[in-house]
Amino acid sequence: MRVLVIGAGGYAGSALTERLVEAGHEVVALVRPGRTGSPGAAEVRQGDLADAASLTAAVSPDVDAVVNAATPSGDAALDAAAVDALTAPLRGSGRPFVYTSGVWVLGATGTGTLDEDAPTDPIPIVGYRPEIERRVLATAADGVRATVVRPGIVHGRGGGIPAMLVGWAAEDGGPRVVGDPSVRWPMVDVDDLGDLYAAVLADAPAGTVWHAVAEPAVPVRDLAAAAARATGADGAERVWAVEDAAMELGEPFAEALALDQSVGAEITRERLGWSPSRPGAVADLGEGSYA
């Protein structure tokens, strides 16, 4: 399969590219003008999420599938136009289109664990994203094998949001958490996420939503403590009030880091045979790729 990957040079996109190449696929990396491609890609094409014509041109007839693994722009109209531009050449073809969303669209989950069928209740930083998900899934009626993947907080390879915890621990000499230390984050290793993308491309029916979550609810306090171990710091835990964190990080992101969630992926595991196998987030932070 020849797969166009938007965001192939990014954190998740580079792991996805490696996974697809290992599975015998050819990756066409779409990068912004002036950027380099992703290692392993068979071809590099230039395009920009803000340039709809460049996106449509990149989805040529020789492309068998498209995965949008790029970070959303934060602009609802721009992201909607990008979805329309990427799916226009796919309509009526049955070719796959995979859109990357995230578990923050579910909002605070309370005492239960939310599955793939749960209604969305997004926090402000992703407030418009459920509508983008619906826009993607609606293309299934036009002959696109459209699917949505919602990763948890991604860890592994020393990157992602958990790298912030390591940086804070080094700065403070001990763990730092935003808001209530008892909040929980759904977690997934970046290479397990790559495995799920490959499974979705191979087997997922049109119009479906999948959760990329290996660990449904990891206490942030445990993640922050592991981050401190990675740096050799042994100081006391610092609780960073959301309003104080917002002054440095911006209110929407600070609120997202303080979000308590428990998110499951049993439907994804059962229907696609996805079986995450990499070390858990606490082990990865304390003794793995961040140490």
C-alpha atoms as a PDB file:
ATOM      1  CA  MET A   1       0.000   0.000   0.000  1.00  0.00           C
ATOM      2  CA  ARG A   2       1.251   3.487  -0.847  1.00  0.00           C
ATOM      3  CA  VAL A   3       0.315   5.747   2.070  1.00  0.00           C
ATOM      4  CA  LEU A   4       0.386   9.538   2.122  1.00  0.00           C
ATOM      5  CA  VAL A   5       1.237  10.647   5.677  1.00  0.00           C
ATOM      6  CA  ILE A   6       0.559  14.246   6.658  1.00  0.00           C
ATOM      7  CA  GLY A   7       2.844  15.140   9.550  1.00  0.00           C
ATOM      8  CA  ALA A   8       5.304  12.364   8.663  1.00  0.00           C
ATOM      9  CA  GLY A   9       8.176  14.319  10.162  1.00  0.00           C
ATOM     10  CA  GLY A  10       6.422  14.866  13.489  1.00  0.00           C
ATOM     11  CA  TYR A  11       6.455  12.899  16.722  1.00  0.00           C
ATOM     12  CA  ALA A  12       3.654  10.431  15.971  1.00  0.00           C
ATOM     13  CA  GLY A  13       4.085  10.664  12.201  1.00  0.00           C
ATOM     14  CA  SER A  14       7.707   9.556  12.226  1.00  0.00           C
ATOM     15  CA  ALA A  15       6.879   6.486  14.331  1.00  0.00           C
ATOM     16  CA  LEU A  16       3.977   5.719  12.004  1.00  0.00           C
ATOM     17  CA  THR A  17       6.250   5.998   8.973  1.00  0.00           C
ATOM     18  CA  GLU A  18       8.684   3.499  10.468  1.00  0.00           C
ATOM     19  CA  ARG A  19       5.877   1.076  11.302  1.00  0.00           C
ATOM     20  CA  LEU A  20       4.385   1.243   7.808  1.00  0.00           C
ATOM     21  CA  VAL A  21       7.763   0.727   6.153  1.00  0.00           C
ATOM     22  CA  GLU A  22       8.443  -2.273   8.426  1.00  0.00           C
ATOM     23  CA  ALA A  23       5.099  -3.723   7.312  1.00  0.00           C
ATOM     24  CA  GLY A  24       6.120  -3.446   3.652  1.00  0.00           C
ATOM     25  CA  HIS A  25       4.205  -0.283   2.727  1.00  0.00           C
ATOM     26  CA  GLU A  26       5.551   2.735   0.842  1.00  0.00           C
ATOM     27  CA  VAL A  27       5.212   6.074   2.610  1.00  0.00           C
ATOM     28  CA  VAL A  28       4.791   9.358   0.797  1.00  0.00           C
ATOM     29  CA  ALA A  29       5.666  12.066   3.313  1.00  0.00           C
ATOM     30  CA  LEU A  30       3.836  15.374   3.004  1.00  0.00           C
ATOM     31  CA  VAL A  31       5.944  18.167   4.504  1.00  0.00           C
ATOM     32  CA  ARG A  32       5.769  21.916   4.532  1.00  0.00           C
ATOM     33  CA  PRO A  33       7.814  23.746   1.896  1.00  0.00           C
ATOM     34  CA  GLY A  34      11.415  23.966   3.010  1.00  0.00           C
ATOM     35  CA  ARG A  35      11.140  21.037   5.450  1.00  0.00           C
ATOM     36  CA  THR A  36      12.820  17.663   5.079  1.00  0.00           C
ATOM     37  CA  GLY A  37      10.887  14.411   4.976  1.00  0.00           C
ATOM     38  CA  SER A  38      10.649  11.516   7.372  1.00  0.00           C
ATOM     39  CA  PRO A  39      13.411   8.854   7.380  1.00  0.00           C
ATOM     40  CA  GLY A  40      12.231   5.807   5.495  1.00  0.00           C
ATOM     41  CA  ALA A  41       9.752   7.627   3.273  1.00  0.00           C
ATOM     42  CA  ALA A  42       9.830   6.542  -0.349  1.00  0.00           C
ATOM     43  CA  GLU A  43       8.893  10.007  -1.579  1.00  0.00           C
ATOM     44  CA  VAL A  44       8.539  13.517  -0.183  1.00  0.00           C
ATOM     45  CA  ARG A  45       5.868  15.929  -1.360  1.00  0.00           C
ATOM     46  CA  GLN A  46       5.323  19.484  -0.274  1.00  0.00           C
ATOM     47  CA  GLY A  47       2.077  20.889   1.060  1.00  0.00           C
ATOM     48  CA  ASP A  48       0.584  22.893   3.873  1.00  0.00           C
ATOM     49  CA  LEU A  49      -2.616  22.493   5.883  1.00  0.00           C
ATOM     50  CA  ALA A  50      -3.285  26.164   5.159  1.00  0.00           C
ATOM     51  CA  ASP A  51      -3.034  25.572   1.395  1.00  0.00           C
ATOM     52  CA  ALA A  52      -5.999  23.423   0.353  1.00  0.00           C
ATOM     53  CA  ALA A  53      -4.866  23.152  -3.265  1.00  0.00           C
ATOM     54  CA  SER A  54      -1.520  21.673  -2.226  1.00  0.00           C
ATOM     55  CA  LEU A  55      -3.297  19.027  -0.150  1.00  0.00           C
ATOM     56  CA  THR A  56      -5.615  17.962  -2.945  1.00  0.00           C
ATOM     57  CA  ALA A  57      -2.703  17.797  -5.373  1.00  0.00           C
ATOM     58  CA  ALA A  58      -0.784  15.531  -2.997  1.00  0.00           C
ATOM     59  CA  VAL A  59      -3.559  12.896  -3.026  1.00  0.00           C
ATOM     60  CA  SER A  60      -2.703  11.616  -6.481  1.00  0.00           C
ATOM     61  CA  PRO A  61      -4.184   8.459  -8.052  1.00  0.00           C
ATOM     62  CA  ASP A  62      -1.112   6.413  -7.039  1.00  0.00           C
ATOM     63  CA  VAL A  63      -1.846   7.050  -3.351  1.00  0.00           C
ATOM     64  CA  ASP A  64      -3.757   4.128  -1.839  1.00  0.00           C
ATOM     65  CA  ALA A  65      -4.484   5.688   1.572  1.00  0.00           C
ATOM     66  CA  VAL A  66      -4.111   8.942   3.500  1.00  0.00           C
ATOM     67  CA  VAL A  67      -3.298   9.409   7.189  1.00  0.00           C
ATOM     68  CA  ASN A  68      -3.510  12.862   8.720  1.00  0.00           C
ATOM     69  CA  ALA A  69      -1.158  12.624  11.709  1.00  0.00           C
ATOM     70  CA  ALA A  70      -0.441  16.357  11.810  1.00  0.00           C
ATOM     71  CA  THR A  71      -1.148  18.518  14.822  1.00  0.00           C
ATOM     72  CA  PRO A  72      -4.454  20.385  14.306  1.00  0.00           C
ATOM     73  CA  SER A  73      -4.018  24.077  13.610  1.00  0.00           C
ATOM     74  CA  GLY A  74      -6.439  25.325  16.262  1.00  0.00           C
ATOM     75  CA  ASP A  75      -8.451  27.066  13.540  1.00  0.00           C
ATOM     76  CA  ALA A  76     -11.781  25.334  12.913  1.00  0.00           C
ATOM     77  CA  ALA A  77     -12.290  26.707   9.407  1.00  0.00           C
ATOM     78  CA  LEU A  78      -8.745  25.873   8.326  1.00  0.00           C
ATOM     79  CA  ASP A  79      -8.918  22.310   9.649  1.00  0.00           C
ATOM     80  CA  ALA A  80     -12.312  21.744   8.032  1.00  0.00           C
ATOM     81  CA  ALA A  81     -10.982  22.993   4.698  1.00  0.00           C
ATOM     82  CA  ALA A  82      -7.971  20.684   5.035  1.00  0.00           C
ATOM     83  CA  VAL A  83     -10.238  17.665   5.590  1.00  0.00           C
ATOM     84  CA  ASP A  84     -12.316  18.603   2.549  1.00  0.00           C
ATOM     85  CA  ALA A  85      -9.193  19.056   0.422  1.00  0.00           C
ATOM     86  CA  LEU A  86      -7.648  15.741   1.460  1.00  0.00           C
ATOM     87  CA  THR A  87     -10.831  13.706   1.039  1.00  0.00           C
ATOM     88  CA  ALA A  88     -12.017  15.242  -2.249  1.00  0.00           C
ATOM     89  CA  PRO A  89      -9.798  12.984  -4.418  1.00  0.00           C
ATOM     90  CA  LEU A  90     -10.787   9.939  -2.341  1.00  0.00           C
ATOM     91  CA  ARG A  91     -14.542  10.212  -2.816  1.00  0.00           C
ATOM     92  CA  GLY A  92     -16.044   7.234  -4.577  1.00  0.00           C
ATOM     93  CA  SER A  93     -12.790   5.288  -4.445  1.00  0.00           C
ATOM     94  CA  GLY A  94     -13.108   3.313  -1.214  1.00  0.00           C
ATOM     95  CA  ARG A  95      -9.586   4.403  -0.293  1.00  0.00           C
ATOM     96  CA  PRO A  96      -8.874   4.928   3.433  1.00  0.00           C
ATOM     97  CA  PHE A  97      -8.607   8.311   5.153  1.00  0.00           C
ATOM     98  CA  VAL A  98      -7.510   8.298   8.800  1.00  0.00           C
ATOM     99  CA  TYR A  99      -7.899  11.458  10.866  1.00  0.00           C
ATOM    100  CA  THR A 100      -6.050  11.920  14.161  1.00  0.00           C
ATOM    101  CA  SER A 101      -8.117  13.462  16.935  1.00  0.00           C
ATOM    102  CA  GLY A 102      -7.562  12.804  20.659  1.00  0.00           C
ATOM    103  CA  VAL A 103      -9.219  11.770  23.898  1.00  0.00           C
ATOM    104  CA  TRP A 104      -9.603  15.356  25.110  1.00  0.00           C
ATOM    105  CA  VAL A 105     -12.768  15.509  22.966  1.00  0.00           C
ATOM    106  CA  LEU A 106     -14.398  13.318  25.641  1.00  0.00           C
ATOM    107  CA  GLY A 107     -13.862  15.836  28.435  1.00  0.00           C
ATOM    108  CA  ALA A 108     -13.753  14.896  32.108  1.00  0.00           C
ATOM    109  CA  THR A 109     -14.862  11.288  32.424  1.00  0.00           C
ATOM    110  CA  GLY A 110     -15.893  11.088  36.075  1.00  0.00           C
ATOM    111  CA  THR A 111     -15.756   7.775  37.918  1.00  0.00           C
ATOM    112  CA  GLY A 112     -16.403   5.535  34.911  1.00  0.00           C
ATOM    113  CA  THR A 113     -14.276   4.614  31.907  1.00  0.00           C
ATOM    114  CA  LEU A 114     -15.457   5.925  28.547  1.00  0.00           C
ATOM    115  CA  ASP A 115     -15.321   3.750  25.456  1.00  0.00           C
ATOM    116  CA  GLU A 116     -15.389   4.455  21.730  1.00  0.00           C
ATOM    117  CA  ASP A 117     -19.188   4.887  21.740  1.00  0.00           C
ATOM    118  CA  ALA A 118     -19.238   7.583  24.446  1.00  0.00           C
ATOM    119  CA  PRO A 119     -20.573  11.022  23.460  1.00  0.00           C
ATOM    120  CA  THR A 120     -18.091  13.855  23.143  1.00  0.00           C
ATOM    121  CA  ASP A 121     -17.874  16.693  25.669  1.00  0.00           C
ATOM    122  CA  PRO A 122     -14.736  18.553  24.613  1.00  0.00           C
ATOM    123  CA  ILE A 123     -12.665  20.857  26.748  1.00  0.00           C
ATOM    124  CA  PRO A 124     -11.994  24.322  25.256  1.00  0.00           C
ATOM    125  CA  ILE A 125      -8.619  23.555  23.677  1.00  0.00           C
ATOM    126  CA  VAL A 126     -10.317  21.016  21.357  1.00  0.00           C
ATOM    127  CA  GLY A 127     -13.784  22.522  21.388  1.00  0.00           C
ATOM    128  CA  TYR A 128     -14.326  22.401  17.625  1.00  0.00           C
ATOM    129  CA  ARG A 129     -12.708  19.020  17.021  1.00  0.00           C
ATOM    130  CA  PRO A 130     -15.845  16.850  17.404  1.00  0.00           C
ATOM    131  CA  GLU A 131     -17.291  18.709  14.438  1.00  0.00           C
ATOM    132  CA  ILE A 132     -14.146  17.901  12.436  1.00  0.00           C
ATOM    133  CA  GLU A 133     -14.546  14.248  13.438  1.00  0.00           C
ATOM    134  CA  ARG A 134     -18.132  14.304  12.186  1.00  0.00           C
ATOM    135  CA  ARG A 135     -17.002  15.940   8.950  1.00  0.00           C
ATOM    136  CA  VAL A 136     -14.469  13.172   8.404  1.00  0.00           C
ATOM    137  CA  LEU A 137     -16.890  10.348   9.199  1.00  0.00           C
ATOM    138  CA  ALA A 138     -19.570  11.838   6.931  1.00  0.00           C
ATOM    139  CA  THR A 139     -17.343  11.225   3.914  1.00  0.00           C
ATOM    140  CA  ALA A 140     -18.016   7.499   4.364  1.00  0.00           C
ATOM    141  CA  ALA A 141     -21.354   8.144   2.650  1.00  0.00           C
ATOM    142  CA  ASP A 142     -19.387   9.361  -0.379  1.00  0.00           C
ATOM    143  CA  GLY A 143     -17.238   6.275  -0.738  1.00  0.00           C
ATOM    144  CA  VAL A 144     -14.301   7.159   1.503  1.00  0.00           C
ATOM    145  CA  ARG A 145     -13.158   4.562   4.051  1.00  0.00           C
ATOM    146  CA  ALA A 146     -12.981   7.314   6.638  1.00  0.00           C
ATOM    147  CA  THR A 147     -11.977   6.635  10.243  1.00  0.00           C
ATOM    148  CA  VAL A 148     -10.976   8.615  13.333  1.00  0.00           C
ATOM    149  CA  VAL A 149      -8.204   7.652  15.767  1.00  0.00           C
ATOM    150  CA  ARG A 150      -8.187   9.216  19.233  1.00  0.00           C
ATOM    151  CA  PRO A 151      -4.805   8.775  20.934  1.00  0.00           C
ATOM    152  CA  GLY A 152      -4.374   9.202  24.654  1.00  0.00           C
ATOM    153  CA  ILE A 153      -1.406  11.173  25.944  1.00  0.00           C
ATOM    154  CA  VAL A 154       1.443   9.843  23.831  1.00  0.00           C
ATOM    155  CA  HIS A 155       4.748   8.826  25.408  1.00  0.00           C
ATOM    156  CA  GLY A 156       7.891   7.095  24.185  1.00  0.00           C
ATOM    157  CA  ARG A 157      11.125   7.996  22.409  1.00  0.00           C
ATOM    158  CA  GLY A 158      11.673  10.713  25.010  1.00  0.00           C
ATOM    159  CA  GLY A 159       9.046  12.982  23.460  1.00  0.00           C
ATOM    160  CA  GLY A 160       5.514  14.296  23.720  1.00  0.00           C
ATOM    161  CA  ILE A 161       3.828  15.927  26.707  1.00  0.00           C
ATOM    162  CA  PRO A 162       5.647  13.640  29.187  1.00  0.00           C
ATOM    163  CA  ALA A 163       8.923  15.297  28.166  1.00  0.00           C
ATOM    164  CA  MET A 164       7.518  18.454  29.762  1.00  0.00           C
ATOM    165  CA  LEU A 165       7.254  16.607  33.083  1.00  0.00           C
ATOM    166  CA  VAL A 166      10.913  15.649  32.799  1.00  0.00           C
ATOM    167  CA  GLY A 167      11.892  19.235  32.040  1.00  0.00           C
ATOM    168  CA  TRP A 168       9.903  20.522  34.994  1.00  0.00           C
ATOM    169  CA  ALA A 169      11.464  17.940  37.324  1.00  0.00           C
ATOM    170  CA  ALA A 170      14.936  19.011  36.226  1.00  0.00           C
ATOM    171  CA  GLU A 171      13.999  22.638  36.797  1.00  0.00           C
ATOM    172  CA  ASP A 172      12.371  22.100  40.206  1.00  0.00           C
ATOM    173  CA  GLY A 173      14.549  19.318  41.552  1.00  0.00           C
ATOM    174  CA  GLY A 174      11.420  17.214  42.054  1.00  0.00           C
ATOM    175  CA  PRO A 175       8.044  16.283  40.539  1.00  0.00           C
ATOM    176  CA  ARG A 176       5.646  18.960  39.287  1.00  0.00           C
ATOM    177  CA  VAL A 177       1.956  18.460  38.509  1.00  0.00           C
ATOM    178  CA  VAL A 178      -0.676  20.886  37.258  1.00  0.00           C
ATOM    179  CA  GLY A 179      -3.814  21.154  39.389  1.00  0.00           C
ATOM    180  CA  ASP A 180      -4.996  18.156  41.396  1.00  0.00           C
ATOM    181  CA  PRO A 181      -2.228  15.518  41.682  1.00  0.00           C
ATOM    182  CA  SER A 182      -4.850  12.754  41.731  1.00  0.00           C
ATOM    183  CA  VAL A 183      -5.967  13.343  38.128  1.00  0.00           C
ATOM    184  CA  ARG A 184      -5.376  10.542  35.640  1.00  0.00           C
ATOM    185  CA  TRP A 185      -4.209  10.529  32.042  1.00  0.00           C
ATOM    186  CA  PRO A 186      -4.974   7.859  29.418  1.00  0.00           C
ATOM    187  CA  MET A 187      -1.609   6.864  27.926  1.00  0.00           C
ATOM    188  CA  VAL A 188      -0.236   5.194  24.805  1.00  0.00           C
ATOM    189  CA  ASP A 189       3.293   4.512  23.591  1.00  0.00           C
ATOM    190  CA  VAL A 190       4.091   6.194  20.276  1.00  0.00           C
ATOM    191  CA  ASP A 191       5.120   2.874  18.694  1.00  0.00           C
ATOM    192  CA  ASP A 192       1.933   1.144  19.873  1.00  0.00           C
ATOM    193  CA  LEU A 193       0.091   4.063  18.289  1.00  0.00           C
ATOM    194  CA  GLY A 194       1.917   3.336  15.034  1.00  0.00           C
ATOM    195  CA  ASP A 195       0.736  -0.269  15.240  1.00  0.00           C
ATOM    196  CA  LEU A 196      -2.851   0.899  15.614  1.00  0.00           C
ATOM    197  CA  TYR A 197      -2.659   3.177  12.581  1.00  0.00           C
ATOM    198  CA  ALA A 198      -1.453   0.189  10.557  1.00  0.00           C
ATOM    199  CA  ALA A 199      -4.338  -1.944  11.840  1.00  0.00           C
ATOM    200  CA  VAL A 200      -6.884   0.769  11.050  1.00  0.00           C
ATOM    201  CA  LEU A 201      -5.548   1.112   7.511  1.00  0.00           C
ATOM    202  CA  ALA A 202      -5.761  -2.634   7.013  1.00  0.00           C
ATOM    203  CA  ASP A 203      -9.088  -3.540   8.589  1.00  0.00           C
ATOM    204  CA  ALA A 204     -11.193  -0.669   9.945  1.00  0.00           C
ATOM    205  CA  PRO A 205     -14.624  -0.204   8.322  1.00  0.00           C
ATOM    206  CA  ALA A 206     -15.713   3.207   7.074  1.00  0.00           C
ATOM    207  CA  GLY A 207     -17.313   5.594   9.531  1.00  0.00           C
ATOM    208  CA  THR A 208     -15.663   4.223  12.684  1.00  0.00           C
ATOM    209  CA  VAL A 209     -13.875   5.719  15.708  1.00  0.00           C
ATOM    210  CA  TRP A 210     -10.959   4.012  17.481  1.00  0.00           C
ATOM    211  CA  HIS A 211      -9.237   4.704  20.797  1.00  0.00           C
ATOM    212  CA  ALA A 212      -5.446   4.502  20.919  1.00  0.00           C
ATOM    213  CA  VAL A 213      -5.157   3.963  24.670  1.00  0.00           C
ATOM    214  CA  ALA A 214      -2.920   1.316  26.228  1.00  0.00           C
ATOM    215  CA  GLU A 215      -3.389   2.412  29.864  1.00  0.00           C
ATOM    216  CA  PRO A 216      -6.816   3.924  30.617  1.00  0.00           C
ATOM    217  CA  ALA A 217      -6.014   6.011  33.698  1.00  0.00           C
ATOM    218  CA  VAL A 218      -2.446   6.588  34.908  1.00  0.00           C
ATOM    219  CA  PRO A 219      -2.178   8.944  37.924  1.00  0.00           C
ATOM    220  CA  VAL A 220      -0.285  12.048  36.926  1.00  0.00           C
ATOM    221  CA  ARG A 221       1.372  12.033  40.341  1.00  0.00           C
ATOM    222  CA  ASP A 222       3.012   8.701  39.387  1.00  0.00           C
ATOM    223  CA  LEU A 223       4.101  10.079  36.005  1.00  0.00           C
ATOM    224  CA  ALA A 224       5.624  13.182  37.602  1.00  0.00           C
ATOM    225  CA  ALA A 225       7.475  11.077  40.178  1.00  0.00           C
ATOM    226  CA  ALA A 226       8.851   8.878  37.409  1.00  0.00           C
ATOM    227  CA  ALA A 227       9.932  11.997  35.514  1.00  0.00           C
ATOM    228  CA  ALA A 228      11.841  13.111  38.589  1.00  0.00           C
ATOM    229  CA  ARG A 229      13.577   9.719  38.777  1.00  0.00           C
ATOM    230  CA  ALA A 230      14.618  10.133  35.163  1.00  0.00           C
ATOM    231  CA  THR A 231      16.520  13.284  36.102  1.00  0.00           C
ATOM    232  CA  GLY A 232      17.852  12.012  39.414  1.00  0.00           C
ATOM    233  CA  ALA A 233      15.793  14.627  41.266  1.00  0.00           C
ATOM    234  CA  ASP A 234      14.517  13.690  44.719  1.00  0.00           C
ATOM    235  CA  GLY A 235      12.882  16.888  45.921  1.00  0.00           C
ATOM    236  CA  ALA A 236       9.320  17.350  47.131  1.00  0.00           C
ATOM    237  CA  GLU A 237       6.356  17.360  44.798  1.00  0.00           C
ATOM    238  CA  ARG A 238       5.256  20.770  43.551  1.00  0.00           C
ATOM    239  CA  VAL A 239       1.584  21.341  42.816  1.00  0.00           C
ATOM    240  CA  TRP A 240       1.271  24.061  40.187  1.00  0.00           C
ATOM    241  CA  ALA A 241      -2.110  25.761  40.485  1.00  0.00           C
ATOM    242  CA  VAL A 242      -3.992  25.830  37.191  1.00  0.00           C
ATOM    243  CA  GLU A 243      -4.319  29.606  37.266  1.00  0.00           C
ATOM    244  CA  ASP A 244      -0.554  29.968  37.749  1.00  0.00           C
ATOM    245  CA  ALA A 245       0.259  27.430  35.057  1.00  0.00           C
ATOM    246  CA  ALA A 246      -2.107  29.265  32.723  1.00  0.00           C
ATOM    247  CA  MET A 247       0.034  32.395  32.934  1.00  0.00           C
ATOM    248  CA  GLU A 248       2.943  30.473  31.370  1.00  0.00           C
ATOM    249  CA  LEU A 249       1.224  27.794  29.293  1.00  0.00           C
ATOM    250  CA  GLY A 250      -2.024  29.499  28.349  1.00  0.00           C
ATOM    251  CA  GLU A 251      -5.330  28.732  30.015  1.00  0.00           C
ATOM    252  CA  PRO A 252      -6.613  26.108  27.533  1.00  0.00           C
ATOM    253  CA  PHE A 253      -3.466  23.968  27.740  1.00  0.00           C
ATOM    254  CA  ALA A 254      -3.163  24.319  31.513  1.00  0.00           C
ATOM    255  CA  GLU A 255      -6.763  23.148  31.870  1.00  0.00           C
ATOM    256  CA  ALA A 256      -6.050  20.203  29.573  1.00  0.00           C
ATOM    257  CA  LEU A 257      -3.094  19.099  31.693  1.00  0.00           C
ATOM    258  CA  ALA A 258      -5.351  19.193  34.766  1.00  0.00           C
ATOM    259  CA  LEU A 259      -8.070  17.093  33.092  1.00  0.00           C
ATOM    260  CA  ASP A 260      -9.011  13.846  34.843  1.00  0.00           C
ATOM    261  CA  GLN A 261      -9.861  11.020  32.438  1.00  0.00           C
ATOM    262  CA  SER A 262     -10.295   7.277  32.302  1.00  0.00           C
ATOM    263  CA  VAL A 263     -10.620   6.121  28.689  1.00  0.00           C
ATOM    264  CA  GLY A 264     -10.828   2.547  27.469  1.00  0.00           C
ATOM    265  CA  ALA A 265     -10.049   0.892  24.146  1.00  0.00           C
ATOM    266  CA  GLU A 266     -11.671  -2.521  24.490  1.00  0.00           C
ATOM    267  CA  ILE A 267     -13.666  -2.163  21.273  1.00  0.00           C
ATOM    268  CA  THR A 268     -10.493  -1.213  19.401  1.00  0.00           C
ATOM    269  CA  ARG A 269      -8.574  -4.134  20.860  1.00  0.00           C
ATOM    270  CA  GLU A 270     -11.302  -6.676  20.160  1.00  0.00           C
ATOM    271  CA  ARG A 271     -12.310  -5.593  16.665  1.00  0.00           C
ATOM    272  CA  LEU A 272      -8.882  -4.762  15.270  1.00  0.00           C
ATOM    273  CA  GLY A 273      -6.762  -7.189  17.269  1.00  0.00           C
ATOM    274  CA  TRP A 274      -4.643  -4.316  18.579  1.00  0.00           C
ATOM    275  CA  SER A 275      -2.443  -5.441  21.460  1.00  0.00           C
ATOM    276  CA  PRO A 276      -0.145  -2.744  22.892  1.00  0.00           C
ATOM    277  CA  SER A 277       3.133  -4.335  23.945  1.00  0.00           C
ATOM    278  CA  ARG A 278       5.551  -1.537  24.863  1.00  0.00           C
ATOM    279  CA  PRO A 279       6.442  -0.618  28.467  1.00  0.00           C
ATOM    280  CA  GLY A 280       3.900   1.438  30.403  1.00  0.00           C
ATOM    281  CA  ALA A 281       4.234   5.175  30.777  1.00  0.00           C
ATOM    282  CA  VAL A 282       5.580   5.188  34.340  1.00  0.00           C
ATOM    283  CA  ALA A 283       8.310   2.668  33.498  1.00  0.00           C
ATOM    284  CA  ASP A 284       9.128   4.503  30.269  1.00  0.00           C
ATOM    285  CA  LEU A 285       9.490   7.811  32.079  1.00  0.00           C
ATOM    286  CA  GLY A 286      11.455   6.513  35.036  1.00  0.00           C
ATOM    287  CA  GLU A 287      13.739   3.962  33.476  1.00  0.00           C
ATOM    288  CA  GLY A 288      13.073   4.020  29.738  1.00  0.00           C
ATOM    289  CA  SER A 289      13.378   6.487  26.898  1.00  0.00           C
ATOM    290  CA  TYR A 290      13.313   9.596  29.128  1.00  0.00           C
ATOM    291  CA  ALA A 291      15.982   8.482  31.598  1.00  0.00           C
END
